[in-house]
Amino acid sequence: MTGLDRFIQRWRMRQALRFVPDNARLIDIGAHEGELFQALGARLGRGFGVEPLARSELKADRYLVAPGFFPAVRPAEGSWDAVTMLAVLEHIPIKEQPALAAACRELLRPGGRVIITVPAKAVDHILAGLRFLRLIDGMSLEEHYGFEPEDTLRIFAAPDFRLVYRARFQCGLNHLFVFERV
């Protein structure tokens, strides 16, 4: 990751962390190297991360990042407080989105949150230019599958989920969605 990649990653995390409760049991999909868990610090109760690019497990005091794809790789037990997907949902093929939402519902306690950031459609063009200039490298634009931010509302819909917060950030180029499991 370049410095710009990390800057964008930290900005996303700051938006999401406001909605993670203290002492949270958190599943982070697309956990990379556990940066979200590290940012939570003492606020993290227990973390389970899933990272498709990881070659081996990454274990720390209060969290584990496992290689693989969610929901095939996931914790065995439920009753988690939150699931985060920061710049991940747009990489999930349409046919896999229902299984992803169903697994989130199964793993979350009632009232547990799904916290998601997704880019605006225009971001693909900006990121392609930044990648061409070698200013970023970790965006996997070829995996965006024509994703639109509004698709998030369809994927995490009633009766299983309720939208509790929605906002744009980064000059409108990113969207934050927070859903609660009903």
Protein backbone atom coordinates (compact mmCIF):
# COMPACT_ATOMS: atom_id res chain seq x y z
CA MET A 1 0.00 0.00 0.00
CA THR A 2 1.17 3.49 -0.76
CA GLY A 3 0.96 6.42 1.63
CA LEU A 4 -2.18 7.62 -0.16
CA ASP A 5 -3.77 4.16 0.18
CA ARG A 6 -3.11 4.26 3.94
CA PHE A 7 -4.46 7.82 4.24
CA ILE A 8 -7.72 6.79 2.52
CA GLN A 9 -7.90 3.62 4.65
CA ARG A 10 -7.52 5.61 7.91
CA TRP A 11 -10.19 8.09 6.80
CA ARG A 12 -12.64 5.23 6.20
CA MET A 13 -11.79 3.70 9.56
CA ARG A 14 -12.43 6.99 11.40
CA GLN A 15 -15.92 7.14 9.88
CA ALA A 16 -16.72 3.55 10.87
CA LEU A 17 -15.18 3.52 14.35
CA ARG A 18 -17.77 6.01 15.61
CA PHE A 19 -20.38 3.24 15.30
CA VAL A 20 -18.43 0.39 16.93
CA PRO A 21 -19.47 0.00 20.59
CA ASP A 22 -16.88 -0.21 23.36
CA ASN A 23 -15.68 -3.73 24.19
CA ALA A 24 -17.10 -4.87 20.85
CA ARG A 25 -16.96 -8.36 19.47
CA LEU A 26 -16.20 -7.38 15.88
CA ILE A 27 -15.93 -9.23 12.58
CA ASP A 28 -13.94 -7.28 9.99
CA ILE A 29 -14.41 -8.50 6.42
CA GLY A 30 -11.42 -7.42 4.32
CA ALA A 31 -9.32 -7.03 7.46
CA HIS A 32 -5.98 -6.64 5.61
CA GLU A 33 -3.39 -6.75 8.41
CA GLY A 34 -5.77 -6.00 11.29
CA GLU A 35 -5.52 -2.21 11.08
CA LEU A 36 -9.13 -1.67 12.21
CA PHE A 37 -8.59 -3.86 15.27
CA GLN A 38 -5.38 -1.99 16.04
CA ALA A 39 -7.18 1.37 15.70
CA LEU A 40 -9.82 0.22 18.20
CA GLY A 41 -7.10 -0.61 20.73
CA ALA A 42 -8.53 -1.14 24.22
CA ARG A 43 -12.08 -0.61 22.86
CA LEU A 44 -11.88 -4.02 21.13
CA GLY A 45 -13.27 -6.93 23.09
CA ARG A 46 -12.55 -9.62 20.52
CA GLY A 47 -11.98 -9.51 16.78
CA PHE A 48 -12.21 -11.95 13.91
CA GLY A 49 -10.97 -10.75 10.54
CA VAL A 50 -11.21 -12.34 7.12
CA GLU A 51 -8.73 -11.38 4.41
CA PRO A 52 -8.65 -12.93 0.93
CA LEU A 53 -5.08 -11.74 0.27
CA ALA A 54 -3.62 -13.13 3.51
CA ARG A 55 -1.29 -16.11 3.12
CA SER A 56 -1.49 -17.24 6.72
CA GLU A 57 -3.30 -16.46 9.97
CA LEU A 58 -2.35 -13.32 11.84
CA LYS A 59 -2.86 -13.71 15.59
CA ALA A 60 -2.75 -10.97 18.20
CA ASP A 61 -3.95 -10.68 21.80
CA ARG A 62 -7.58 -9.91 21.05
CA TYR A 63 -7.97 -10.69 17.38
CA LEU A 64 -7.29 -13.18 14.62
CA VAL A 65 -7.17 -12.46 10.88
CA ALA A 66 -7.83 -15.61 8.86
CA PRO A 67 -7.06 -16.05 5.16
CA GLY A 68 -10.00 -16.67 2.87
CA PHE A 69 -13.34 -15.34 1.75
CA PHE A 70 -16.35 -14.52 3.90
CA PRO A 71 -18.79 -16.23 4.48
CA ALA A 72 -16.92 -19.47 3.79
CA VAL A 73 -14.37 -18.38 6.41
CA ARG A 74 -16.14 -17.06 9.48
CA PRO A 75 -16.37 -17.53 13.24
CA ALA A 76 -18.12 -20.69 14.36
CA GLU A 77 -20.30 -18.94 16.93
CA GLY A 78 -22.69 -15.99 16.63
CA SER A 79 -23.76 -13.11 18.87
CA TRP A 80 -21.21 -10.59 17.53
CA ASP A 81 -21.70 -6.85 18.11
CA ALA A 82 -20.65 -5.61 14.69
CA VAL A 83 -19.50 -6.56 11.22
CA THR A 84 -17.44 -4.07 9.24
CA MET A 85 -16.83 -3.97 5.50
CA LEU A 86 -14.76 -0.93 4.60
CA ALA A 87 -14.36 -0.63 0.82
CA VAL A 88 -15.27 -4.31 0.46
CA LEU A 89 -18.90 -4.67 -0.60
CA GLU A 90 -18.25 -3.31 -4.10
CA HIS A 91 -15.85 -6.25 -4.64
CA ILE A 92 -18.49 -8.92 -3.90
CA PRO A 93 -20.08 -10.41 -7.03
CA ILE A 94 -23.85 -9.83 -7.22
CA LYS A 95 -24.68 -13.54 -6.96
CA GLU A 96 -22.74 -13.79 -3.67
CA GLN A 97 -24.32 -10.75 -1.99
CA PRO A 98 -27.41 -12.55 -0.56
CA ALA A 99 -25.21 -15.17 1.17
CA LEU A 100 -23.02 -12.41 2.59
CA ALA A 101 -26.03 -10.60 4.09
CA ALA A 102 -27.50 -13.86 5.43
CA ALA A 103 -24.21 -14.74 7.14
CA CYS A 104 -24.03 -11.28 8.73
CA ARG A 105 -27.54 -11.76 10.09
CA GLU A 106 -26.68 -15.21 11.47
CA LEU A 107 -23.53 -13.98 13.21
CA LEU A 108 -24.85 -10.72 14.69
CA ARG A 109 -26.75 -10.45 17.94
CA PRO A 110 -30.12 -8.66 17.72
CA GLY A 111 -29.30 -4.94 17.45
CA GLY A 112 -25.79 -5.74 16.20
CA ARG A 113 -24.49 -3.48 13.46
CA VAL A 114 -23.24 -3.87 9.93
CA ILE A 115 -20.96 -0.90 9.18
CA ILE A 116 -20.12 -0.41 5.52
CA THR A 117 -18.23 2.08 3.39
CA VAL A 118 -18.58 2.03 -0.38
CA PRO A 119 -17.25 4.44 -3.00
CA ALA A 120 -19.36 6.58 -5.29
CA LYS A 121 -19.41 5.33 -8.89
CA ALA A 122 -17.23 8.27 -10.03
CA VAL A 123 -14.42 7.05 -7.79
CA ASP A 124 -13.52 4.28 -10.25
CA HIS A 125 -12.32 6.88 -12.77
CA ILE A 126 -10.37 8.83 -10.14
CA LEU A 127 -8.72 5.68 -8.78
CA ALA A 128 -7.82 4.48 -12.28
CA GLY A 129 -5.97 7.77 -12.83
CA LEU A 130 -4.23 7.57 -9.45
CA ARG A 131 -3.21 3.98 -10.14
CA PHE A 132 -1.86 4.97 -13.57
CA LEU A 133 0.26 7.62 -11.81
CA ARG A 134 1.37 4.94 -9.29
CA LEU A 135 -0.02 6.95 -6.38
CA ILE A 136 -2.20 4.04 -5.20
CA ASP A 137 -1.99 0.30 -5.70
CA GLY A 138 -4.47 -1.52 -3.47
CA MET A 139 -7.88 -0.82 -4.97
CA SER A 140 -8.67 -3.87 -7.20
CA LEU A 141 -10.84 -1.78 -9.53
CA GLU A 142 -11.44 -4.74 -11.83
CA GLU A 143 -13.58 -6.26 -9.04
CA HIS A 144 -16.12 -3.44 -8.66
CA TYR A 145 -18.75 -5.30 -10.77
CA GLY A 146 -20.64 -2.09 -11.64
CA PHE A 147 -21.56 -1.58 -7.98
CA GLU A 148 -23.70 1.43 -7.08
CA PRO A 149 -23.91 2.73 -3.48
CA GLU A 150 -27.72 2.36 -3.60
CA ASP A 151 -27.22 -1.42 -4.02
CA THR A 152 -26.24 -1.49 -0.33
CA LEU A 153 -29.85 -0.76 0.66
CA ARG A 154 -31.08 -3.75 -1.35
CA ILE A 155 -28.47 -6.13 0.06
CA PHE A 156 -29.13 -5.24 3.72
CA ALA A 157 -32.89 -4.79 3.51
CA ALA A 158 -35.83 -5.33 5.83
CA PRO A 159 -37.01 -7.50 7.44
CA ASP A 160 -33.52 -8.63 8.50
CA PHE A 161 -31.86 -5.20 8.77
CA ARG A 162 -32.82 -1.62 9.48
CA LEU A 163 -30.84 1.37 8.20
CA VAL A 164 -29.85 3.57 11.18
CA TYR A 165 -27.33 5.92 9.59
CA ARG A 166 -26.25 7.00 6.14
CA ALA A 167 -23.82 9.73 5.12
CA ARG A 168 -21.35 10.75 2.45
CA PHE A 169 -17.75 11.68 3.23
CA GLN A 170 -14.52 12.48 1.39
CA CYS A 171 -16.25 15.27 -0.58
CA GLY A 172 -19.11 12.92 -1.44
CA LEU A 173 -16.82 10.29 -2.97
CA ASN A 174 -17.54 7.69 -0.29
CA HIS A 175 -20.68 6.51 1.46
CA LEU A 176 -21.11 5.21 4.99
CA PHE A 177 -24.04 2.91 5.84
CA VAL A 178 -24.87 1.57 9.30
CA PHE A 179 -27.53 -1.12 9.61
CA GLU A 180 -28.85 -2.89 12.70
CA ARG A 181 -29.92 -6.50 12.74
CA VAL A 182 -33.62 -6.69 13.52
